[in-house]
């Protein structure tokens, strides 16, 4: 017979694992809302791969901007901005507002799309 503490530990581990694998959620704060699956399609639609090498995206082999391999584990965006899902979404929406003078142009990406793209990028670990 399993002890109550053991059952509780197993239940907690199952709950944590399920939450970590919930589709459409980005890694990071629980209150971040973004759809990673939709973000994958948006990365293609906005042609992010013209400038960036993006794993898992066919033809996304650009070398103008930095490669986005493991972007979800990096400490900074553009070497200056703390990397979080919210900051990444702000960066995608308007990189010039986030860090004036950087090389990434404003692409006209609305906030909802930027949040979904950020959710996708945070799956790249």
PDB file of N, CA and C in Angstrom:
ATOM      1  N   UNK A   1       0.843  -1.184   0.000  1.00  0.00           N
ATOM      2  CA  UNK A   1       0.000   0.000   0.000  1.00  0.00           C
ATOM      3  C   UNK A   1       0.889   1.247   0.000  1.00  0.00           C
ATOM      4  N   UNK A   2       0.509   2.235  -0.796  1.00  0.00           N
ATOM      5  CA  UNK A   2       1.273   3.459  -0.943  1.00  0.00           C
ATOM      6  C   UNK A   2       0.945   4.424   0.195  1.00  0.00           C
ATOM      7  N   UNK A   3       1.983   5.045   0.751  1.00  0.00           N
ATOM      8  CA  UNK A   3       1.786   6.016   1.833  1.00  0.00           C
ATOM      9  C   UNK A   3       1.133   7.278   1.284  1.00  0.00           C
ATOM     10  N   UNK A   4       0.338   7.988   2.088  1.00  0.00           N
ATOM     11  CA  UNK A   4      -0.341   9.205   1.637  1.00  0.00           C
ATOM     12  C   UNK A   4       0.631  10.263   1.111  1.00  0.00           C
ATOM     13  N   UNK A   5       1.777  10.400   1.746  1.00  0.00           N
ATOM     14  CA  UNK A   5       2.756  11.399   1.292  1.00  0.00           C
ATOM     15  C   UNK A   5       3.276  11.050  -0.094  1.00  0.00           C
ATOM     16  N   UNK A   6       3.459   9.763  -0.372  1.00  0.00           N
ATOM     17  CA  UNK A   6       3.926   9.317  -1.681  1.00  0.00           C
ATOM     18  C   UNK A   6       2.865   9.603  -2.742  1.00  0.00           C
ATOM     19  N   UNK A   7       1.593   9.309  -2.414  1.00  0.00           N
ATOM     20  CA  UNK A   7       0.508   9.599  -3.345  1.00  0.00           C
ATOM     21  C   UNK A   7       0.429  11.090  -3.658  1.00  0.00           C
ATOM     22  N   UNK A   8       0.590  11.908  -2.631  1.00  0.00           N
ATOM     23  CA  UNK A   8       0.537  13.358  -2.807  1.00  0.00           C
ATOM     24  C   UNK A   8       1.677  13.834  -3.709  1.00  0.00           C
ATOM     25  N   UNK A   9       2.867  13.295  -3.501  1.00  0.00           N
ATOM     26  CA  UNK A   9       4.020  13.658  -4.323  1.00  0.00           C
ATOM     27  C   UNK A   9       3.796  13.264  -5.783  1.00  0.00           C
ATOM     28  N   UNK A  10       3.284  12.071  -6.019  1.00  0.00           N
ATOM     29  CA  UNK A  10       3.031  11.616  -7.384  1.00  0.00           C
ATOM     30  C   UNK A  10       1.977  12.501  -8.051  1.00  0.00           C
ATOM     31  N   UNK A  11       0.908  12.829  -7.326  1.00  0.00           N
ATOM     32  CA  UNK A  11      -0.136  13.698  -7.880  1.00  0.00           C
ATOM     33  C   UNK A  11       0.425  15.073  -8.238  1.00  0.00           C
ATOM     34  N   UNK A  12       1.288  15.614  -7.379  1.00  0.00           N
ATOM     35  CA  UNK A  12       1.890  16.926  -7.643  1.00  0.00           C
ATOM     36  C   UNK A  12       2.781  16.872  -8.878  1.00  0.00           C
ATOM     37  N   UNK A  13       3.564  15.823  -9.015  1.00  0.00           N
ATOM     38  CA  UNK A  13       4.447  15.687 -10.179  1.00  0.00           C
ATOM     39  C   UNK A  13       3.641  15.560 -11.472  1.00  0.00           C
ATOM     40  N   UNK A  14       2.549  14.829 -11.441  1.00  0.00           N
ATOM     41  CA  UNK A  14       1.697  14.687 -12.617  1.00  0.00           C
ATOM     42  C   UNK A  14       1.091  16.033 -12.986  1.00  0.00           C
ATOM     43  N   UNK A  15       0.636  16.783 -11.994  1.00  0.00           N
ATOM     44  CA  UNK A  15       0.039  18.100 -12.250  1.00  0.00           C
ATOM     45  C   UNK A  15       1.057  19.059 -12.850  1.00  0.00           C
ATOM     46  N   UNK A  16       2.270  19.064 -12.306  1.00  0.00           N
ATOM     47  CA  UNK A  16       3.324  19.953 -12.818  1.00  0.00           C
ATOM     48  C   UNK A  16       3.676  19.582 -14.253  1.00  0.00           C
ATOM     49  N   UNK A  17       3.816  18.292 -14.523  1.00  0.00           N
ATOM     50  CA  UNK A  17       4.155  17.840 -15.865  1.00  0.00           C
ATOM     51  C   UNK A  17       3.066  18.222 -16.852  1.00  0.00           C
ATOM     52  N   UNK A  18       1.816  18.025 -16.471  1.00  0.00           N
ATOM     53  CA  UNK A  18       0.705  18.379 -17.356  1.00  0.00           C
ATOM     54  C   UNK A  18       0.669  19.860 -17.647  1.00  0.00           C
ATOM     55  N   UNK A  19       0.904  20.699 -16.640  1.00  0.00           N
ATOM     56  CA  UNK A  19       0.885  22.152 -16.849  1.00  0.00           C
ATOM     57  C   UNK A  19       2.029  22.581 -17.751  1.00  0.00           C
ATOM     58  N   UNK A  20       3.195  21.962 -17.599  1.00  0.00           N
ATOM     59  CA  UNK A  20       4.349  22.341 -18.413  1.00  0.00           C
ATOM     60  C   UNK A  20       4.150  21.965 -19.878  1.00  0.00           C
ATOM     61  N   UNK A  21       3.326  20.950 -20.141  1.00  0.00           N
ATOM     62  CA  UNK A  21       3.121  20.488 -21.505  1.00  0.00           C
ATOM     63  C   UNK A  21       1.828  21.010 -22.118  1.00  0.00           C
ATOM     64  N   UNK A  22       1.145  21.907 -21.422  1.00  0.00           N
ATOM     65  CA  UNK A  22      -0.129  22.417 -21.932  1.00  0.00           C
ATOM     66  C   UNK A  22       0.107  23.136 -23.252  1.00  0.00           C
ATOM     67  N   UNK A  23      -0.577  22.712 -24.333  1.00  0.00           N
ATOM     68  CA  UNK A  23      -0.354  23.344 -25.628  1.00  0.00           C
ATOM     69  C   UNK A  23      -0.752  24.809 -25.620  1.00  0.00           C
ATOM     70  N   UNK A  24       0.028  25.602 -26.351  1.00  0.00           N
ATOM     71  CA  UNK A  24      -0.319  26.994 -26.536  1.00  0.00           C
ATOM     72  C   UNK A  24       0.197  27.925 -25.458  1.00  0.00           C
ATOM     73  N   UNK A  25       0.816  27.411 -24.418  1.00  0.00           N
ATOM     74  CA  UNK A  25       1.326  28.296 -23.372  1.00  0.00           C
ATOM     75  C   UNK A  25       2.829  28.444 -23.536  1.00  0.00           C
ATOM     76  N   UNK A  26       3.296  29.640 -23.354  1.00  0.00           N
ATOM     77  CA  UNK A  26       4.732  29.886 -23.413  1.00  0.00           C
ATOM     78  C   UNK A  26       5.335  29.599 -22.054  1.00  0.00           C
ATOM     79  N   UNK A  27       6.618  29.294 -22.051  1.00  0.00           N
ATOM     80  CA  UNK A  27       7.323  29.188 -20.788  1.00  0.00           C
ATOM     81  C   UNK A  27       7.403  30.576 -20.196  1.00  0.00           C
ATOM     82  N   UNK A  28       7.357  30.672 -18.925  1.00  0.00           N
ATOM     83  CA  UNK A  28       7.442  31.981 -18.294  1.00  0.00           C
ATOM     84  C   UNK A  28       6.279  32.221 -17.365  1.00  0.00           C
ATOM     85  N   UNK A  29       5.938  33.472 -17.133  1.00  0.00           N
ATOM     86  CA  UNK A  29       4.904  33.794 -16.165  1.00  0.00           C
ATOM     87  C   UNK A  29       3.573  33.124 -16.495  1.00  0.00           C
ATOM     88  N   UNK A  30       2.866  32.677 -15.452  1.00  0.00           N
ATOM     89  CA  UNK A  30       1.582  32.017 -15.649  1.00  0.00           C
ATOM     90  C   UNK A  30       0.570  32.921 -16.331  1.00  0.00           C
ATOM     91  N   UNK A  31       0.701  34.228 -16.152  1.00  0.00           N
ATOM     92  CA  UNK A  31      -0.284  35.147 -16.715  1.00  0.00           C
ATOM     93  C   UNK A  31       0.028  35.535 -18.161  1.00  0.00           C
ATOM     94  N   UNK A  32       1.065  34.955 -18.767  1.00  0.00           N
ATOM     95  CA  UNK A  32       1.374  35.251 -20.165  1.00  0.00           C
ATOM     96  C   UNK A  32       0.414  34.472 -21.047  1.00  0.00           C
ATOM     97  N   UNK A  33      -0.232  35.156 -21.959  1.00  0.00           N
ATOM     98  CA  UNK A  33      -1.182  34.524 -22.860  1.00  0.00           C
ATOM     99  C   UNK A  33      -0.609  34.556 -24.272  1.00  0.00           C
ATOM    100  N   UNK A  34      -0.428  33.396 -24.839  1.00  0.00           N
ATOM    101  CA  UNK A  34       0.063  33.292 -26.206  1.00  0.00           C
ATOM    102  C   UNK A  34      -0.136  31.880 -26.715  1.00  0.00           C
ATOM    103  N   UNK A  35      -0.387  31.739 -27.994  1.00  0.00           N
ATOM    104  CA  UNK A  35      -0.642  30.451 -28.621  1.00  0.00           C
ATOM    105  C   UNK A  35       0.568  30.068 -29.475  1.00  0.00           C
ATOM    106  N   UNK A  36       1.373  29.154 -28.957  1.00  0.00           N
ATOM    107  CA  UNK A  36       2.616  28.768 -29.632  1.00  0.00           C
ATOM    108  C   UNK A  36       2.351  28.131 -30.996  1.00  0.00           C
ATOM    109  N   UNK A  37       1.286  27.361 -31.107  1.00  0.00           N
ATOM    110  CA  UNK A  37       0.990  26.734 -32.415  1.00  0.00           C
ATOM    111  C   UNK A  37       0.644  27.793 -33.454  1.00  0.00           C
ATOM    112  N   UNK A  38      -0.165  28.768 -33.069  1.00  0.00           N
ATOM    113  CA  UNK A  38      -0.487  29.862 -33.986  1.00  0.00           C
ATOM    114  C   UNK A  38       0.777  30.671 -34.286  1.00  0.00           C
ATOM    115  N   UNK A  39       1.632  30.834 -33.272  1.00  0.00           N
ATOM    116  CA  UNK A  39       2.886  31.564 -33.450  1.00  0.00           C
ATOM    117  C   UNK A  39       3.775  30.945 -34.511  1.00  0.00           C
ATOM    118  N   UNK A  40       3.772  29.613 -34.588  1.00  0.00           N
ATOM    119  CA  UNK A  40       4.546  28.924 -35.621  1.00  0.00           C
ATOM    120  C   UNK A  40       4.082  29.354 -37.009  1.00  0.00           C
ATOM    121  N   UNK A  41       2.774  29.388 -37.206  1.00  0.00           N
ATOM    122  CA  UNK A  41       2.229  29.823 -38.500  1.00  0.00           C
ATOM    123  C   UNK A  41       2.531  31.293 -38.776  1.00  0.00           C
ATOM    124  N   UNK A  42       2.483  32.117 -37.730  1.00  0.00           N
ATOM    125  CA  UNK A  42       2.741  33.553 -37.908  1.00  0.00           C
ATOM    126  C   UNK A  42       4.200  33.833 -38.269  1.00  0.00           C
ATOM    127  N   UNK A  43       5.112  33.036 -37.724  1.00  0.00           N
ATOM    128  CA  UNK A  43       6.536  33.183 -38.071  1.00  0.00           C
ATOM    129  C   UNK A  43       6.712  32.978 -39.571  1.00  0.00           C
ATOM    130  N   UNK A  44       5.957  32.042 -40.106  1.00  0.00           N
ATOM    131  CA  UNK A  44       5.994  31.806 -41.562  1.00  0.00           C
ATOM    132  C   UNK A  44       5.320  32.962 -42.306  1.00  0.00           C
ATOM    133  N   UNK A  45       4.153  33.372 -41.822  1.00  0.00           N
ATOM    134  CA  UNK A  45       3.387  34.443 -42.482  1.00  0.00           C
ATOM    135  C   UNK A  45       4.174  35.745 -42.536  1.00  0.00           C
ATOM    136  N   UNK A  46       4.822  36.113 -41.440  1.00  0.00           N
ATOM    137  CA  UNK A  46       5.582  37.371 -41.406  1.00  0.00           C
ATOM    138  C   UNK A  46       6.996  37.203 -41.977  1.00  0.00           C
ATOM    139  N   UNK A  47       7.312  36.002 -42.430  1.00  0.00           N
ATOM    140  CA  UNK A  47       8.590  35.692 -43.079  1.00  0.00           C
ATOM    141  C   UNK A  47       9.803  36.029 -42.210  1.00  0.00           C
ATOM    142  N   UNK A  48       9.702  35.686 -40.935  1.00  0.00           N
ATOM    143  CA  UNK A  48      10.807  35.944 -40.003  1.00  0.00           C
ATOM    144  C   UNK A  48      12.082  35.209 -40.429  1.00  0.00           C
ATOM    145  N   UNK A  49      11.917  34.082 -41.138  1.00  0.00           N
ATOM    146  CA  UNK A  49      13.053  33.291 -41.577  1.00  0.00           C
ATOM    147  C   UNK A  49      13.862  33.911 -42.700  1.00  0.00           C
ATOM    148  N   UNK A  50      13.397  35.016 -43.263  1.00  0.00           N
ATOM    149  CA  UNK A  50      14.207  35.722 -44.262  1.00  0.00           C
ATOM    150  C   UNK A  50      15.454  36.289 -43.579  1.00  0.00           C
ATOM    151  N   UNK A  51      15.305  36.729 -42.341  1.00  0.00           N
ATOM    152  CA  UNK A  51      16.430  37.318 -41.598  1.00  0.00           C
ATOM    153  C   UNK A  51      17.010  36.389 -40.531  1.00  0.00           C
ATOM    154  N   UNK A  52      16.197  35.465 -40.021  1.00  0.00           N
ATOM    155  CA  UNK A  52      16.627  34.605 -38.904  1.00  0.00           C
ATOM    156  C   UNK A  52      16.635  33.138 -39.289  1.00  0.00           C
ATOM    157  N   UNK A  53      17.591  32.406 -38.735  1.00  0.00           N
ATOM    158  CA  UNK A  53      17.617  30.952 -38.820  1.00  0.00           C
ATOM    159  C   UNK A  53      16.763  30.454 -37.655  1.00  0.00           C
ATOM    160  N   UNK A  54      15.642  29.783 -37.979  1.00  0.00           N
ATOM    161  CA  UNK A  54      14.685  29.381 -36.949  1.00  0.00           C
ATOM    162  C   UNK A  54      14.473  27.874 -37.037  1.00  0.00           C
ATOM    163  N   UNK A  55      14.850  27.143 -35.991  1.00  0.00           N
ATOM    164  CA  UNK A  55      14.667  25.691 -36.031  1.00  0.00           C
ATOM    165  C   UNK A  55      13.185  25.317 -36.103  1.00  0.00           C
ATOM    166  N   UNK A  56      12.902  24.288 -36.892  1.00  0.00           N
ATOM    167  CA  UNK A  56      11.549  23.799 -37.015  1.00  0.00           C
ATOM    168  C   UNK A  56      10.712  24.529 -38.052  1.00  0.00           C
ATOM    169  N   UNK A  57      11.263  25.556 -38.683  1.00  0.00           N
ATOM    170  CA  UNK A  57      10.539  26.318 -39.695  1.00  0.00           C
ATOM    171  C   UNK A  57      11.247  26.098 -41.035  1.00  0.00           C
ATOM    172  N   UNK A  58      10.570  25.423 -41.955  1.00  0.00           N
ATOM    173  CA  UNK A  58      11.162  25.126 -43.267  1.00  0.00           C
ATOM    174  C   UNK A  58      11.536  26.415 -43.986  1.00  0.00           C
ATOM    175  N   UNK A  59      12.752  26.468 -44.496  1.00  0.00           N
ATOM    176  CA  UNK A  59      13.223  27.612 -45.267  1.00  0.00           C
ATOM    177  C   UNK A  59      13.638  28.810 -44.432  1.00  0.00           C
ATOM    178  N   UNK A  60      13.505  28.722 -43.113  1.00  0.00           N
ATOM    179  CA  UNK A  60      13.898  29.842 -42.243  1.00  0.00           C
ATOM    180  C   UNK A  60      15.389  29.718 -41.946  1.00  0.00           C
ATOM    181  N   UNK A  61      16.186  30.215 -42.892  1.00  0.00           N
ATOM    182  CA  UNK A  61      17.634  30.067 -42.764  1.00  0.00           C
ATOM    183  C   UNK A  61      18.364  31.385 -43.015  1.00  0.00           C
ATOM    184  N   UNK A  62      17.693  32.490 -42.696  1.00  0.00           N
ATOM    185  CA  UNK A  62      18.303  33.804 -42.896  1.00  0.00           C
ATOM    186  C   UNK A  62      19.510  34.008 -41.989  1.00  0.00           C
ATOM    187  N   UNK A  63      20.389  34.898 -42.432  1.00  0.00           N
ATOM    188  CA  UNK A  63      21.582  35.193 -41.619  1.00  0.00           C
ATOM    189  C   UNK A  63      21.801  36.698 -41.440  1.00  0.00           C
ATOM    190  N   UNK A  64      20.743  37.486 -41.591  1.00  0.00           N
ATOM    191  CA  UNK A  64      20.837  38.927 -41.344  1.00  0.00           C
ATOM    192  C   UNK A  64      20.765  39.184 -39.844  1.00  0.00           C
ATOM    193  N   UNK A  65      19.751  38.611 -39.204  1.00  0.00           N
ATOM    194  CA  UNK A  65      19.598  38.707 -37.751  1.00  0.00           C
ATOM    195  C   UNK A  65      20.198  37.471 -37.097  1.00  0.00           C
ATOM    196  N   UNK A  66      20.222  37.439 -35.775  1.00  0.00           N
ATOM    197  CA  UNK A  66      20.818  36.283 -35.090  1.00  0.00           C
ATOM    198  C   UNK A  66      19.961  35.029 -35.261  1.00  0.00           C
ATOM    199  N   UNK A  67      20.603  33.856 -35.215  1.00  0.00           N
ATOM    200  CA  UNK A  67      19.828  32.621 -35.239  1.00  0.00           C
ATOM    201  C   UNK A  67      18.993  32.541 -33.952  1.00  0.00           C
ATOM    202  N   UNK A  68      17.807  31.956 -34.045  1.00  0.00           N
ATOM    203  CA  UNK A  68      16.914  31.916 -32.897  1.00  0.00           C
ATOM    204  C   UNK A  68      16.909  30.566 -32.185  1.00  0.00           C
ATOM    205  N   UNK A  69      17.923  29.751 -32.442  1.00  0.00           N
ATOM    206  CA  UNK A  69      18.068  28.484 -31.738  1.00  0.00           C
ATOM    207  C   UNK A  69      18.159  28.769 -30.240  1.00  0.00           C
ATOM    208  N   UNK A  70      17.370  28.066 -29.460  1.00  0.00           N
ATOM    209  CA  UNK A  70      17.386  28.165 -27.989  1.00  0.00           C
ATOM    210  C   UNK A  70      17.088  29.586 -27.482  1.00  0.00           C
ATOM    211  N   UNK A  71      16.343  30.383 -28.237  1.00  0.00           N
ATOM    212  CA  UNK A  71      16.016  31.748 -27.814  1.00  0.00           C
ATOM    213  C   UNK A  71      15.250  31.732 -26.492  1.00  0.00           C
ATOM    214  N   UNK A  72      14.497  30.679 -26.233  1.00  0.00           N
ATOM    215  CA  UNK A  72      13.740  30.586 -24.990  1.00  0.00           C
ATOM    216  C   UNK A  72      14.601  30.426 -23.754  1.00  0.00           C
ATOM    217  N   UNK A  73      15.891  30.136 -23.933  1.00  0.00           N
ATOM    218  CA  UNK A  73      16.789  29.969 -22.788  1.00  0.00           C
ATOM    219  C   UNK A  73      17.757  31.142 -22.619  1.00  0.00           C
ATOM    220  N   UNK A  74      17.736  32.068 -23.548  1.00  0.00           N
ATOM    221  CA  UNK A  74      18.697  33.173 -23.485  1.00  0.00           C
ATOM    222  C   UNK A  74      18.330  34.174 -22.395  1.00  0.00           C
ATOM    223  N   UNK A  75      19.327  34.857 -21.887  1.00  0.00           N
ATOM    224  CA  UNK A  75      19.132  35.825 -20.810  1.00  0.00           C
ATOM    225  C   UNK A  75      18.656  37.163 -21.340  1.00  0.00           C
ATOM    226  N   UNK A  76      19.150  37.557 -22.516  1.00  0.00           N
ATOM    227  CA  UNK A  76      18.826  38.877 -23.047  1.00  0.00           C
ATOM    228  C   UNK A  76      18.316  38.816 -24.477  1.00  0.00           C
ATOM    229  N   UNK A  77      17.527  39.817 -24.821  1.00  0.00           N
ATOM    230  CA  UNK A  77      17.108  40.065 -26.195  1.00  0.00           C
ATOM    231  C   UNK A  77      17.971  41.231 -26.679  1.00  0.00           C
ATOM    232  N   UNK A  78      18.608  41.069 -27.821  1.00  0.00           N
ATOM    233  CA  UNK A  78      19.464  42.115 -28.401  1.00  0.00           C
ATOM    234  C   UNK A  78      20.574  42.556 -27.450  1.00  0.00           C
ATOM    235  N   UNK A  79      20.938  41.700 -26.526  1.00  0.00           N
ATOM    236  CA  UNK A  79      22.050  41.991 -25.627  1.00  0.00           C
ATOM    237  C   UNK A  79      21.749  42.974 -24.506  1.00  0.00           C
ATOM    238  N   UNK A  80      20.523  43.514 -24.434  1.00  0.00           N
ATOM    239  CA  UNK A  80      20.217  44.549 -23.448  1.00  0.00           C
ATOM    240  C   UNK A  80      18.917  44.340 -22.677  1.00  0.00           C
ATOM    241  N   UNK A  81      17.943  43.691 -23.277  1.00  0.00           N
ATOM    242  CA  UNK A  81      16.610  43.583 -22.692  1.00  0.00           C
ATOM    243  C   UNK A  81      16.453  42.210 -22.059  1.00  0.00           C
ATOM    244  N   UNK A  82      16.058  42.160 -20.776  1.00  0.00           N
ATOM    245  CA  UNK A  82      15.842  40.880 -20.100  1.00  0.00           C
ATOM    246  C   UNK A  82      14.860  40.037 -20.909  1.00  0.00           C
ATOM    247  N   UNK A  83      15.217  38.793 -21.178  1.00  0.00           N
ATOM    248  CA  UNK A  83      14.390  37.912 -21.987  1.00  0.00           C
ATOM    249  C   UNK A  83      13.271  37.313 -21.141  1.00  0.00           C
ATOM    250  N   UNK A  84      12.049  37.712 -21.441  1.00  0.00           N
ATOM    251  CA  UNK A  84      10.847  37.147 -20.836  1.00  0.00           C
ATOM    252  C   UNK A  84       9.799  37.108 -21.943  1.00  0.00           C
ATOM    253  N   UNK A  85       8.752  36.310 -21.783  1.00  0.00           N
ATOM    254  CA  UNK A  85       7.719  36.292 -22.828  1.00  0.00           C
ATOM    255  C   UNK A  85       7.115  37.672 -23.089  1.00  0.00           C
ATOM    256  N   UNK A  86       6.850  38.435 -22.032  1.00  0.00           N
ATOM    257  CA  UNK A  86       6.275  39.770 -22.231  1.00  0.00           C
ATOM    258  C   UNK A  86       7.243  40.697 -22.962  1.00  0.00           C
ATOM    259  N   UNK A  87       8.511  40.688 -22.565  1.00  0.00           N
ATOM    260  CA  UNK A  87       9.497  41.536 -23.238  1.00  0.00           C
ATOM    261  C   UNK A  87       9.711  41.102 -24.684  1.00  0.00           C
ATOM    262  N   UNK A  88       9.675  39.785 -24.910  1.00  0.00           N
ATOM    263  CA  UNK A  88       9.831  39.283 -26.283  1.00  0.00           C
ATOM    264  C   UNK A  88       8.664  39.761 -27.142  1.00  0.00           C
ATOM    265  N   UNK A  89       7.445  39.700 -26.608  1.00  0.00           N
ATOM    266  CA  UNK A  89       6.277  40.158 -27.368  1.00  0.00           C
ATOM    267  C   UNK A  89       6.392  41.652 -27.670  1.00  0.00           C
ATOM    268  N   UNK A  90       6.828  42.439 -26.676  1.00  0.00           N
ATOM    269  CA  UNK A  90       7.020  43.882 -26.900  1.00  0.00           C
ATOM    270  C   UNK A  90       8.064  44.122 -27.985  1.00  0.00           C
ATOM    271  N   UNK A  91       9.141  43.355 -27.928  1.00  0.00           N
ATOM    272  CA  UNK A  91      10.220  43.468 -28.908  1.00  0.00           C
ATOM    273  C   UNK A  91       9.701  43.165 -30.313  1.00  0.00           C
ATOM    274  N   UNK A  92       8.939  42.089 -30.460  1.00  0.00           N
ATOM    275  CA  UNK A  92       8.422  41.689 -31.769  1.00  0.00           C
ATOM    276  C   UNK A  92       7.443  42.736 -32.298  1.00  0.00           C
ATOM    277  N   UNK A  93       6.610  43.258 -31.418  1.00  0.00           N
ATOM    278  CA  UNK A  93       5.615  44.250 -31.830  1.00  0.00           C
ATOM    279  C   UNK A  93       6.278  45.540 -32.313  1.00  0.00           C
ATOM    280  N   UNK A  94       7.280  46.018 -31.584  1.00  0.00           N
ATOM    281  CA  UNK A  94       7.937  47.275 -31.974  1.00  0.00           C
ATOM    282  C   UNK A  94       9.370  47.297 -31.444  1.00  0.00           C
ATOM    283  N   UNK A  95      10.292  46.682 -32.184  1.00  0.00           N
ATOM    284  CA  UNK A  95      11.675  46.610 -31.714  1.00  0.00           C
ATOM    285  C   UNK A  95      12.340  47.984 -31.561  1.00  0.00           C
ATOM    286  N   UNK A  96      11.901  48.957 -32.325  1.00  0.00           N
ATOM    287  CA  UNK A  96      12.508  50.288 -32.217  1.00  0.00           C
ATOM    288  C   UNK A  96      12.049  51.017 -30.953  1.00  0.00           C
ATOM    289  N   UNK A  97      10.842  50.744 -30.492  1.00  0.00           N
ATOM    290  CA  UNK A  97      10.389  51.309 -29.220  1.00  0.00           C
ATOM    291  C   UNK A  97      11.138  50.639 -28.063  1.00  0.00           C
ATOM    292  N   UNK A  98      11.344  49.319 -28.193  1.00  0.00           N
ATOM    293  CA  UNK A  98      12.014  48.560 -27.144  1.00  0.00           C
ATOM    294  C   UNK A  98      13.493  48.940 -27.015  1.00  0.00           C
ATOM    295  N   UNK A  99      14.157  49.155 -28.148  1.00  0.00           N
ATOM    296  CA  UNK A  99      15.582  49.505 -28.152  1.00  0.00           C
ATOM    297  C   UNK A  99      15.853  50.361 -29.385  1.00  0.00           C
ATOM    298  N   UNK A 100      15.688  51.678 -29.268  1.00  0.00           N
ATOM    299  CA  UNK A 100      15.857  52.565 -30.425  1.00  0.00           C
ATOM    300  C   UNK A 100      17.217  52.397 -31.106  1.00  0.00           C
ATOM    301  N   UNK A 101      17.169  52.374 -32.435  1.00  0.00           N
ATOM    302  CA  UNK A 101      18.395  52.316 -33.214  1.00  0.00           C
ATOM    303  C   UNK A 101      18.911  50.925 -33.502  1.00  0.00           C
ATOM    304  N   UNK A 102      18.247  49.881 -33.014  1.00  0.00           N
ATOM    305  CA  UNK A 102      18.733  48.531 -33.297  1.00  0.00           C
ATOM    306  C   UNK A 102      18.433  48.186 -34.749  1.00  0.00           C
ATOM    307  N   UNK A 103      18.971  47.081 -35.238  1.00  0.00           N
ATOM    308  CA  UNK A 103      18.870  46.735 -36.651  1.00  0.00           C
ATOM    309  C   UNK A 103      17.533  46.110 -37.057  1.00  0.00           C
ATOM    310  N   UNK A 104      16.720  45.671 -36.103  1.00  0.00           N
ATOM    311  CA  UNK A 104      15.457  45.015 -36.459  1.00  0.00           C
ATOM    312  C   UNK A 104      14.384  46.059 -36.765  1.00  0.00           C
ATOM    313  N   UNK A 105      13.798  45.957 -37.959  1.00  0.00           N
ATOM    314  CA  UNK A 105      12.776  46.940 -38.329  1.00  0.00           C
ATOM    315  C   UNK A 105      11.425  46.625 -37.691  1.00  0.00           C
ATOM    316  N   UNK A 106      10.593  47.627 -37.598  1.00  0.00           N
ATOM    317  CA  UNK A 106       9.213  47.423 -37.168  1.00  0.00           C
ATOM    318  C   UNK A 106       8.485  46.758 -38.333  1.00  0.00           C
ATOM    319  N   UNK A 107       7.836  45.626 -38.067  1.00  0.00           N
ATOM    320  CA  UNK A 107       7.202  44.840 -39.127  1.00  0.00           C
ATOM    321  C   UNK A 107       5.687  45.022 -39.181  1.00  0.00           C
ATOM    322  N   UNK A 108       5.134  45.852 -38.296  1.00  0.00           N
ATOM    323  CA  UNK A 108       3.693  46.043 -38.280  1.00  0.00           C
ATOM    324  C   UNK A 108       2.947  44.862 -37.689  1.00  0.00           C
ATOM    325  N   UNK A 109       3.586  44.153 -36.781  1.00  0.00           N
ATOM    326  CA  UNK A 109       2.980  42.980 -36.157  1.00  0.00           C
ATOM    327  C   UNK A 109       2.122  43.435 -34.979  1.00  0.00           C
ATOM    328  N   UNK A 110       0.810  43.131 -35.007  1.00  0.00           N
ATOM    329  CA  UNK A 110      -0.047  43.535 -33.900  1.00  0.00           C
ATOM    330  C   UNK A 110       0.269  42.765 -32.618  1.00  0.00           C
ATOM    331  N   UNK A 111      -0.158  43.309 -31.490  1.00  0.00           N
ATOM    332  CA  UNK A 111       0.183  42.743 -30.184  1.00  0.00           C
ATOM    333  C   UNK A 111      -0.218  41.273 -30.051  1.00  0.00           C
ATOM    334  N   UNK A 112      -1.420  40.900 -30.473  1.00  0.00           N
ATOM    335  CA  UNK A 112      -1.849  39.507 -30.331  1.00  0.00           C
ATOM    336  C   UNK A 112      -0.924  38.580 -31.104  1.00  0.00           C
ATOM    337  N   UNK A 113      -0.575  38.951 -32.332  1.00  0.00           N
ATOM    338  CA  UNK A 113       0.335  38.132 -33.127  1.00  0.00           C
ATOM    339  C   UNK A 113       1.713  38.084 -32.474  1.00  0.00           C
ATOM    340  N   UNK A 114       2.176  39.213 -31.958  1.00  0.00           N
ATOM    341  CA  UNK A 114       3.492  39.256 -31.300  1.00  0.00           C
ATOM    342  C   UNK A 114       3.520  38.326 -30.095  1.00  0.00           C
ATOM    343  N   UNK A 115       2.428  38.270 -29.341  1.00  0.00           N
ATOM    344  CA  UNK A 115       2.362  37.382 -28.167  1.00  0.00           C
ATOM    345  C   UNK A 115       2.378  35.918 -28.594  1.00  0.00           C
ATOM    346  N   UNK A 116       1.702  35.596 -29.686  1.00  0.00           N
ATOM    347  CA  UNK A 116       1.705  34.215 -30.168  1.00  0.00           C
ATOM    348  C   UNK A 116       3.083  33.825 -30.702  1.00  0.00           C
ATOM    349  N   UNK A 117       3.745  34.739 -31.401  1.00  0.00           N
ATOM    350  CA  UNK A 117       5.105  34.463 -31.879  1.00  0.00           C
ATOM    351  C   UNK A 117       6.038  34.280 -30.689  1.00  0.00           C
ATOM    352  N   UNK A 118       5.921  35.126 -29.672  1.00  0.00           N
ATOM    353  CA  UNK A 118       6.747  34.985 -28.467  1.00  0.00           C
ATOM    354  C   UNK A 118       6.501  33.636 -27.804  1.00  0.00           C
ATOM    355  N   UNK A 119       5.251  33.203 -27.754  1.00  0.00           N
ATOM    356  CA  UNK A 119       4.934  31.899 -27.171  1.00  0.00           C
ATOM    357  C   UNK A 119       5.660  30.796 -27.939  1.00  0.00           C
ATOM    358  N   UNK A 120       5.652  30.871 -29.266  1.00  0.00           N
ATOM    359  CA  UNK A 120       6.385  29.890 -30.071  1.00  0.00           C
ATOM    360  C   UNK A 120       7.876  29.958 -29.781  1.00  0.00           C
ATOM    361  N   UNK A 121       8.440  31.174 -29.783  1.00  0.00           N
ATOM    362  CA  UNK A 121       9.884  31.309 -29.578  1.00  0.00           C
ATOM    363  C   UNK A 121      10.318  30.755 -28.226  1.00  0.00           C
ATOM    364  N   UNK A 122       9.449  30.858 -27.226  1.00  0.00           N
ATOM    365  CA  UNK A 122       9.799  30.317 -25.910  1.00  0.00           C
ATOM    366  C   UNK A 122       9.716  28.812 -25.846  1.00  0.00           C
ATOM    367  N   UNK A 123       9.260  28.169 -26.923  1.00  0.00           N
ATOM    368  CA  UNK A 123       9.332  26.702 -26.974  1.00  0.00           C
ATOM    369  C   UNK A 123      10.707  26.265 -27.465  1.00  0.00           C
ATOM    370  N   UNK A 124      11.490  27.187 -28.007  1.00  0.00           N
ATOM    371  CA  UNK A 124      12.815  26.860 -28.546  1.00  0.00           C
ATOM    372  C   UNK A 124      13.824  26.865 -27.403  1.00  0.00           C
ATOM    373  N   UNK A 125      14.052  25.700 -26.853  1.00  0.00           N
ATOM    374  CA  UNK A 125      14.930  25.588 -25.684  1.00  0.00           C
ATOM    375  C   UNK A 125      16.069  24.641 -25.948  1.00  0.00           C
TER     376      UNK A 125
END
